N, C-alpha and C. Protein backbone atom coordinates (compact mmCIF):
# COMPACT_ATOMS: atom_id res chain seq x y z
N UNK A 1 118.56 78.75 55.61
CA UNK A 1 118.02 77.89 54.53
C UNK A 1 116.59 78.77 53.90
N UNK A 2 116.75 79.64 53.46
CA UNK A 2 115.48 80.39 52.15
C UNK A 2 114.80 79.16 52.17
N UNK A 3 113.36 80.15 51.87
CA UNK A 3 111.86 78.90 51.48
C UNK A 3 112.75 78.70 50.19
N UNK A 4 112.29 76.90 49.96
CA UNK A 4 112.43 76.76 47.61
C UNK A 4 111.73 75.88 47.22
N UNK A 5 112.04 75.77 46.66
CA UNK A 5 110.32 75.33 45.50
C UNK A 5 110.00 74.86 44.18
N UNK A 6 109.39 72.98 44.47
CA UNK A 6 110.04 72.64 43.37
C UNK A 6 108.46 72.96 42.36
N UNK A 7 108.55 73.33 41.31
CA UNK A 7 107.43 72.57 40.39
C UNK A 7 107.64 71.20 40.04
N UNK A 8 105.98 70.57 40.00
CA UNK A 8 105.72 69.24 39.76
C UNK A 8 105.24 69.04 38.25
N UNK A 9 106.61 67.78 37.57
CA UNK A 9 106.01 67.83 36.37
C UNK A 9 104.22 67.23 35.74
N UNK A 10 104.10 67.48 34.97
CA UNK A 10 104.02 65.93 34.79
C UNK A 10 103.48 64.59 35.07
N UNK A 11 105.01 63.98 34.75
CA UNK A 11 105.09 63.11 35.49
C UNK A 11 105.15 62.65 36.43
N UNK A 12 105.30 63.97 37.29
CA UNK A 12 105.67 63.63 38.94
C UNK A 12 107.33 63.87 38.97
N UNK A 13 107.10 64.12 37.97
CA UNK A 13 108.78 64.56 38.53
C UNK A 13 109.64 65.43 39.06
N UNK A 14 109.83 66.30 40.03
CA UNK A 14 110.65 67.71 40.83
C UNK A 14 112.02 67.33 40.45
N UNK A 15 112.84 68.55 40.77
CA UNK A 15 114.45 69.03 40.32
C UNK A 15 114.25 69.15 41.82
N UNK A 16 115.05 68.94 42.88
CA UNK A 16 115.49 68.98 44.13
C UNK A 16 116.51 70.35 43.96
N UNK A 17 116.04 71.39 44.93
CA UNK A 17 116.94 72.32 44.24
C UNK A 17 118.13 72.42 44.34
N UNK A 18 118.88 73.46 44.46
CA UNK A 18 120.28 73.43 44.24
C UNK A 18 121.10 74.11 45.17
N UNK A 19 120.54 74.75 46.24
CA UNK A 19 120.47 75.24 47.41
C UNK A 19 120.61 74.21 48.78
N UNK A 20 119.61 73.23 47.93
CA UNK A 20 118.83 71.90 49.01
C UNK A 20 119.86 70.76 48.50
N UNK A 21 120.57 70.23 47.57
CA UNK A 21 121.94 69.78 47.03
C UNK A 21 123.24 69.87 47.06
N UNK A 22 123.39 71.05 46.73
CA UNK A 22 124.21 71.68 47.67
C UNK A 22 124.36 72.01 49.53
N UNK A 23 123.19 72.10 50.05
CA UNK A 23 123.53 71.53 51.73
C UNK A 23 123.80 70.33 52.36
N UNK A 24 123.13 69.44 50.88
CA UNK A 24 122.80 68.01 52.05
C UNK A 24 123.94 67.29 51.09
N UNK A 25 125.11 68.00 50.46
CA UNK A 25 125.73 67.06 49.36
C UNK A 25 125.36 66.32 48.42
N UNK A 26 124.30 66.36 47.60
CA UNK A 26 123.11 65.46 46.81
C UNK A 26 124.42 65.28 45.31
N UNK A 27 124.50 64.15 45.14
CA UNK A 27 124.90 64.27 43.78
C UNK A 27 124.05 63.24 42.47
N UNK A 28 124.75 62.55 41.52
CA UNK A 28 123.59 61.78 40.54
C UNK A 28 123.91 59.91 41.82
N UNK A 29 122.39 60.53 41.55
CA UNK A 29 122.07 58.91 41.72
C UNK A 29 121.95 58.48 43.00
N UNK A 30 122.41 59.91 44.27
CA UNK A 30 122.28 59.43 44.98
C UNK A 30 120.85 58.86 45.73
N UNK A 31 119.92 58.37 46.40
CA UNK A 31 118.93 59.02 46.81
C UNK A 31 117.58 59.08 48.21
N UNK A 32 116.93 59.54 47.83
CA UNK A 32 116.48 60.49 48.49
C UNK A 32 114.68 59.45 49.48
N UNK A 33 114.87 59.85 50.84
CA UNK A 33 113.90 58.88 51.60
C UNK A 33 111.95 59.76 50.87
N UNK A 34 110.74 59.48 51.10
CA UNK A 34 109.43 60.54 51.67
C UNK A 34 109.14 59.64 52.63
N UNK A 35 108.81 60.31 53.48
CA UNK A 35 107.85 59.94 54.59
C UNK A 35 106.58 60.67 55.47
N UNK A 36 105.75 60.61 54.19
CA UNK A 36 104.30 60.46 54.60
C UNK A 36 103.54 61.17 55.80
N UNK A 37 103.24 62.02 56.88
CA UNK A 37 103.07 61.75 57.87
C UNK A 37 101.87 63.35 58.48
N UNK A 38 100.44 63.11 58.38
CA UNK A 38 99.49 63.96 58.64
C UNK A 38 99.43 64.82 57.18
N UNK A 39 99.41 64.60 56.23
CA UNK A 39 98.83 65.21 54.63
C UNK A 39 100.75 66.44 54.83
N UNK A 40 101.79 65.70 55.62
CA UNK A 40 102.83 66.57 55.63
C UNK A 40 103.81 65.53 54.92
N UNK A 41 104.67 65.63 54.25
CA UNK A 41 106.23 64.82 54.10
C UNK A 41 107.33 65.09 54.25
N UNK A 42 108.85 63.96 54.40
CA UNK A 42 109.53 64.22 55.09
C UNK A 42 110.61 63.85 54.06
N UNK A 43 111.67 64.79 53.15
CA UNK A 43 112.29 64.22 52.50
C UNK A 43 113.75 64.02 53.07
N UNK A 44 114.82 62.96 53.05
CA UNK A 44 115.26 62.13 53.80
C UNK A 44 116.87 61.94 52.88
N UNK A 45 118.21 62.40 52.32
CA UNK A 45 118.88 62.28 51.74
C UNK A 45 118.69 60.39 52.49
N UNK A 46 119.62 59.88 52.02
CA UNK A 46 119.95 58.03 52.38
C UNK A 46 121.04 57.86 51.89
N UNK A 47 121.41 56.81 52.42
CA UNK A 47 122.53 56.09 52.23
C UNK A 47 122.57 55.18 51.42
N UNK A 48 122.59 54.19 50.27
CA UNK A 48 122.94 52.33 49.76
C UNK A 48 122.61 52.10 51.35
N UNK A 49 122.56 52.17 51.48
CA UNK A 49 123.20 50.99 52.98
C UNK A 49 121.09 51.34 54.40
N UNK A 50 121.05 52.44 54.01
CA UNK A 50 119.68 52.89 54.63
C UNK A 50 118.83 52.39 54.27
N UNK A 51 118.86 53.22 52.32
CA UNK A 51 117.92 52.46 51.97
C UNK A 51 117.28 50.24 51.58
N UNK A 52 118.44 50.66 51.52
CA UNK A 52 118.88 48.49 52.37
C UNK A 52 117.79 48.31 53.19
N UNK A 53 118.36 48.42 53.91
CA UNK A 53 117.56 48.74 55.47
C UNK A 53 116.59 48.26 55.52
N UNK A 54 116.36 50.00 55.27
CA UNK A 54 114.69 50.06 55.21
C UNK A 54 113.82 49.66 54.33
N UNK A 55 114.27 48.43 52.98
CA UNK A 55 113.70 48.01 52.39
C UNK A 55 113.14 46.92 53.62
N UNK A 56 113.99 46.21 53.46
CA UNK A 56 114.45 45.25 54.51
C UNK A 56 113.40 44.90 56.07
N UNK A 57 113.28 46.65 56.29
CA UNK A 57 112.57 46.45 57.40
C UNK A 57 111.51 46.02 56.99
N UNK A 58 111.18 46.85 56.18
CA UNK A 58 109.57 46.83 55.76
C UNK A 58 109.20 45.55 55.04
N UNK A 59 110.36 44.92 54.87
CA UNK A 59 109.55 43.30 53.88
C UNK A 59 108.95 42.57 55.29
N UNK A 60 110.23 42.87 56.16
CA UNK A 60 109.40 42.32 57.17
C UNK A 60 108.26 42.03 57.75
N UNK A 61 108.54 43.49 58.14
CA UNK A 61 106.80 44.32 58.82
C UNK A 61 105.90 43.74 58.60
N UNK A 62 105.96 43.63 56.89
CA UNK A 62 104.56 42.37 55.97
C UNK A 62 104.08 41.72 56.92
N UNK A 63 104.39 41.15 57.19
CA UNK A 63 104.44 39.69 58.39
C UNK A 63 102.93 40.48 59.42
N UNK A 64 103.18 41.62 59.35
CA UNK A 64 102.35 41.02 60.94
C UNK A 64 100.73 42.09 60.58
N UNK A 65 100.94 43.02 59.28
CA UNK A 65 99.27 43.45 59.01
C UNK A 65 98.42 42.55 57.67
N UNK A 66 97.89 41.90 57.78
CA UNK A 66 97.23 41.41 58.07
C UNK A 66 95.95 42.02 58.73
N UNK A 67 94.59 41.57 58.31
CA UNK A 67 93.94 42.14 59.10
C UNK A 67 93.21 40.46 60.54
N UNK A 68 93.40 39.90 60.08
CA UNK A 68 93.61 38.67 61.39
C UNK A 68 94.30 39.36 62.29
N UNK A 69 96.17 39.89 62.61
CA UNK A 69 96.92 40.01 63.13
C UNK A 69 95.99 41.90 63.31
N UNK A 70 95.75 42.61 63.21
CA UNK A 70 94.87 43.96 63.06
C UNK A 70 93.31 43.21 64.25
N UNK A 71 92.94 41.74 63.99
CA UNK A 71 91.73 41.74 65.11
C UNK A 71 92.58 41.46 66.19
N UNK A 72 93.54 40.18 66.28
CA UNK A 72 94.42 39.47 67.18
C UNK A 72 94.99 40.61 68.16
N UNK A 73 95.70 41.94 67.44
CA UNK A 73 96.02 42.58 68.31
C UNK A 73 95.73 44.04 69.46
N UNK A 74 94.35 43.91 68.60
CA UNK A 74 92.87 44.76 68.43
C UNK A 74 93.03 45.63 69.89
N UNK A 75 92.46 44.76 71.52
CA UNK A 75 92.64 44.88 72.62
C UNK A 75 93.85 45.39 73.44
N UNK A 76 95.16 45.42 73.02
CA UNK A 76 96.71 45.02 73.68
C UNK A 76 97.01 46.90 73.61
């Protein structure tokens, strides 16, 4: 696939290029996940089940993200 560009609007919105929508089979209401890593982003199409799973996983992992936990597990 050729390089596709999208412009961010004043409201922080973008339009997924048609070639990308077609390649991924995206329809109105479909969801995309955004994963940030080292100044780059990976965008993926997710099913509703995937999104629900990811939200549940993230919520469950929040209990391990306190300063006390960081200190307790720092030496591991």
